[in-house]
Amino acid sequence: WVDKVKGRHKAVFDCIEPESGVGVWRAGVWGQQYRDVLKAAASDMSPVIVLRHDAIPLIMTHAFWQKYGVGAKAKIEHPMTGAPVDRNPALFGEADGVPAPFANYALDKQIAAGTVVLACNLAFKDVVGFVKDADKVDETEARARAIAGIIPGVILQPSGVFAVIRAQEAGCVYIKAS
């Protein structure tokens, strides 16, 4: 993933709280502001999002959230209404009540646009725990099921701290995104 961090403008967005998925939007907002104000081309920007600590459920698909009751367990709310959610708000679009342009900054859309999204393997143990408790399976099977529920394109790292530091070594400036 480090080879994808190119261009003149590089930033790592450190998301440690779920914050209803809003921390994820900050990378998209940054990119739009650089395009608007500096007339920067997409090829000149390299956003990296690191999801760690309590934000780790944001790397999971809607199906995973619904199956394991992630929203209720993690007490995550809708970013616009504050209502409880049963799906991942970092993936919400306009149909989910998220207005443009924020709907364009959904995690899957940012990944498709080239944003590098990294996740903490240490915090991922919490997600594995959801599966282990609900499905009554051992750690190995729970981890395999949890990995199958990760949003395509998210890259697990040894830890979130490792990911943030590695992104900084690749030239990213640090932004506390949540």
Protein backbone atom coordinates (compact mmCIF):
# COMPACT_ATOMS: atom_id res chain seq x y z
CA TRP A 1 0.00 0.00 0.00
CA VAL A 2 2.90 2.37 0.65
CA ASP A 3 3.64 2.43 -3.10
CA LYS A 4 0.20 4.00 -3.65
CA VAL A 5 1.12 7.02 -1.49
CA LYS A 6 2.36 9.38 -4.19
CA GLY A 7 1.82 12.89 -5.35
CA ARG A 8 2.48 16.23 -3.79
CA HIS A 9 -0.27 16.16 -1.14
CA LYS A 10 -0.31 13.22 1.29
CA ALA A 11 -2.30 12.94 4.50
CA VAL A 12 -3.17 10.20 6.99
CA PHE A 13 -6.55 10.48 8.71
CA ASP A 14 -6.43 8.70 12.07
CA CYS A 15 -9.92 7.52 13.06
CA ILE A 16 -10.01 6.14 16.59
CA GLU A 17 -13.71 6.70 17.40
CA PRO A 18 -16.68 5.58 15.32
CA GLU A 19 -18.17 9.09 15.39
CA SER A 20 -21.07 7.80 13.24
CA GLY A 21 -18.64 7.44 10.33
CA VAL A 22 -17.95 11.18 10.13
CA GLY A 23 -14.20 10.74 10.62
CA VAL A 24 -14.08 8.83 7.34
CA TRP A 25 -15.62 11.81 5.52
CA ARG A 26 -12.73 14.06 6.51
CA ALA A 27 -10.43 12.52 3.93
CA GLY A 28 -13.00 13.20 1.20
CA VAL A 29 -13.56 16.76 2.41
CA TRP A 30 -9.79 17.36 2.40
CA GLY A 31 -9.53 16.10 -1.17
CA GLN A 32 -12.42 18.27 -2.35
CA GLN A 33 -10.99 21.35 -0.66
CA TYR A 34 -7.59 20.78 -2.28
CA ARG A 35 -9.27 20.38 -5.68
CA ASP A 36 -11.39 23.52 -5.17
CA VAL A 37 -8.82 25.84 -3.59
CA LEU A 38 -5.48 24.60 -4.93
CA LYS A 39 -6.80 23.14 -8.19
CA ALA A 40 -4.96 19.95 -7.27
CA ALA A 41 -5.50 16.95 -9.51
CA ALA A 42 -6.59 13.68 -7.96
CA SER A 43 -3.22 12.24 -8.98
CA ASP A 44 -1.52 14.87 -6.79
CA MET A 45 -3.27 13.65 -3.63
CA SER A 46 -2.82 10.53 -1.52
CA PRO A 47 -5.28 10.19 1.33
CA VAL A 48 -4.77 7.35 3.81
CA ILE A 49 -7.47 6.49 6.35
CA VAL A 50 -6.56 4.44 9.41
CA LEU A 51 -9.43 2.89 11.36
CA ARG A 52 -8.39 1.71 14.78
CA HIS A 53 -9.44 1.43 18.39
CA ASP A 54 -13.22 1.94 18.77
CA ALA A 55 -13.63 2.86 15.07
CA ILE A 56 -12.79 -0.69 13.95
CA PRO A 57 -16.44 -1.70 13.28
CA LEU A 58 -16.45 0.83 10.42
CA ILE A 59 -14.40 -1.60 8.30
CA MET A 60 -17.24 -4.13 8.22
CA THR A 61 -19.97 -4.60 5.59
CA HIS A 62 -23.65 -3.82 6.13
CA ALA A 63 -24.41 -7.56 6.14
CA PHE A 64 -21.92 -8.14 8.95
CA TRP A 65 -23.40 -5.26 10.97
CA GLN A 66 -26.90 -6.64 10.58
CA LYS A 67 -25.98 -10.23 11.37
CA TYR A 68 -24.01 -9.39 14.51
CA GLY A 69 -25.88 -6.34 15.79
CA VAL A 70 -22.77 -4.17 15.60
CA GLY A 71 -24.61 -0.85 15.82
CA ALA A 72 -26.27 -1.72 19.11
CA LYS A 73 -23.18 -3.35 20.59
CA ALA A 74 -20.93 -0.43 19.69
CA LYS A 75 -23.64 2.19 20.34
CA ILE A 76 -23.12 3.83 16.95
CA GLU A 77 -25.70 6.29 15.64
CA HIS A 78 -26.81 7.75 12.33
CA PRO A 79 -24.54 10.69 11.42
CA MET A 80 -27.43 13.04 10.60
CA THR A 81 -30.26 11.97 12.94
CA GLY A 82 -28.49 10.43 15.93
CA ALA A 83 -30.87 7.45 15.71
CA PRO A 84 -29.50 3.94 16.37
CA VAL A 85 -28.27 2.16 13.23
CA ASP A 86 -28.14 -1.47 12.21
CA ARG A 87 -25.86 -0.85 9.21
CA ASN A 88 -22.44 0.72 8.83
CA PRO A 89 -22.82 4.53 8.64
CA ALA A 90 -19.41 4.87 6.98
CA LEU A 91 -21.09 3.29 3.93
CA PHE A 92 -24.23 5.46 3.95
CA GLY A 93 -25.27 7.36 0.86
CA GLU A 94 -28.06 9.77 -0.04
CA ALA A 95 -30.69 7.00 0.15
CA ASP A 96 -29.69 6.62 3.81
CA GLY A 97 -30.27 10.30 4.57
CA VAL A 98 -26.70 11.52 4.12
CA PRO A 99 -26.61 14.65 1.96
CA ALA A 100 -24.22 15.29 -0.87
CA PRO A 101 -21.32 15.83 -0.85
CA PHE A 102 -20.87 13.65 2.25
CA ALA A 103 -22.62 10.72 0.57
CA ASN A 104 -19.78 10.81 -1.97
CA TYR A 105 -17.27 10.28 0.84
CA ALA A 106 -18.60 6.89 1.92
CA LEU A 107 -15.77 4.50 2.68
CA ASP A 108 -16.40 2.19 -0.28
CA LYS A 109 -16.51 5.16 -2.66
CA GLN A 110 -13.23 6.50 -1.32
CA ILE A 111 -11.59 3.09 -1.71
CA ALA A 112 -12.85 2.94 -5.31
CA ALA A 113 -11.33 6.39 -5.90
CA GLY A 114 -7.90 5.23 -4.67
CA THR A 115 -7.89 6.14 -0.98
CA VAL A 116 -5.78 3.70 1.02
CA VAL A 117 -7.80 2.39 3.97
CA LEU A 118 -5.92 0.61 6.74
CA ALA A 119 -7.24 -1.13 9.83
CA CYS A 120 -5.80 -2.15 13.18
CA ASN A 121 -5.43 -5.90 13.56
CA LEU A 122 -5.27 -5.52 17.36
CA ALA A 123 -8.64 -3.75 17.49
CA PHE A 124 -10.01 -6.27 14.99
CA LYS A 125 -10.05 -8.76 17.87
CA ASP A 126 -13.18 -6.93 19.08
CA VAL A 127 -14.91 -7.74 15.79
CA VAL A 128 -13.75 -11.34 16.02
CA GLY A 129 -15.27 -11.39 19.50
CA PHE A 130 -18.69 -10.43 18.07
CA VAL A 131 -18.55 -13.52 15.85
CA LYS A 132 -17.15 -15.83 18.51
CA ASP A 133 -19.87 -14.89 20.99
CA ALA A 134 -22.76 -14.98 18.53
CA ASP A 135 -21.79 -18.08 16.54
CA LYS A 136 -20.23 -20.04 19.41
CA VAL A 137 -17.15 -20.92 17.35
CA ASP A 138 -13.45 -21.00 18.19
CA GLU A 139 -11.08 -18.08 17.62
CA THR A 140 -9.78 -19.38 14.27
CA GLU A 141 -13.23 -19.85 12.78
CA ALA A 142 -14.49 -16.56 14.22
CA ARG A 143 -11.53 -14.71 12.68
CA ALA A 144 -12.15 -16.31 9.27
CA ARG A 145 -15.82 -15.27 9.39
CA ALA A 146 -14.92 -11.76 10.52
CA ILE A 147 -12.33 -11.35 7.75
CA ALA A 148 -15.01 -12.37 5.23
CA GLY A 149 -17.08 -9.41 6.48
CA ILE A 150 -14.43 -6.73 5.86
CA ILE A 151 -15.24 -4.13 3.21
CA PRO A 152 -13.26 -5.03 0.07
CA GLY A 153 -10.11 -2.94 -0.21
CA VAL A 154 -9.51 -2.43 3.52
CA ILE A 155 -6.02 -3.61 4.47
CA LEU A 156 -5.37 -5.03 7.94
CA GLN A 157 -2.12 -3.83 9.53
CA PRO A 158 -0.30 -5.19 12.61
CA SER A 159 -1.76 -2.26 14.56
CA GLY A 160 -3.28 1.13 13.92
CA VAL A 161 -0.26 2.83 15.42
CA PHE A 162 1.98 0.91 13.00
CA ALA A 163 -0.24 2.03 10.09
CA VAL A 164 -0.23 5.70 11.13
CA ILE A 165 3.52 5.80 11.62
CA ARG A 166 4.18 3.94 8.38
CA ALA A 167 1.97 6.43 6.50
CA GLN A 168 3.90 9.30 8.06
CA GLU A 169 7.17 7.67 7.01
CA ALA A 170 5.73 7.57 3.48
CA GLY A 171 5.33 11.35 3.65
CA CYS A 172 1.79 11.81 4.96
CA VAL A 173 0.93 14.63 7.32
CA TYR A 174 -1.06 13.51 10.35
CA ILE A 175 -4.71 14.45 10.91
CA LYS A 176 -6.68 13.29 13.93
CA ALA A 177 -9.92 12.52 12.12
CA SER A 178 -12.06 11.64 15.11
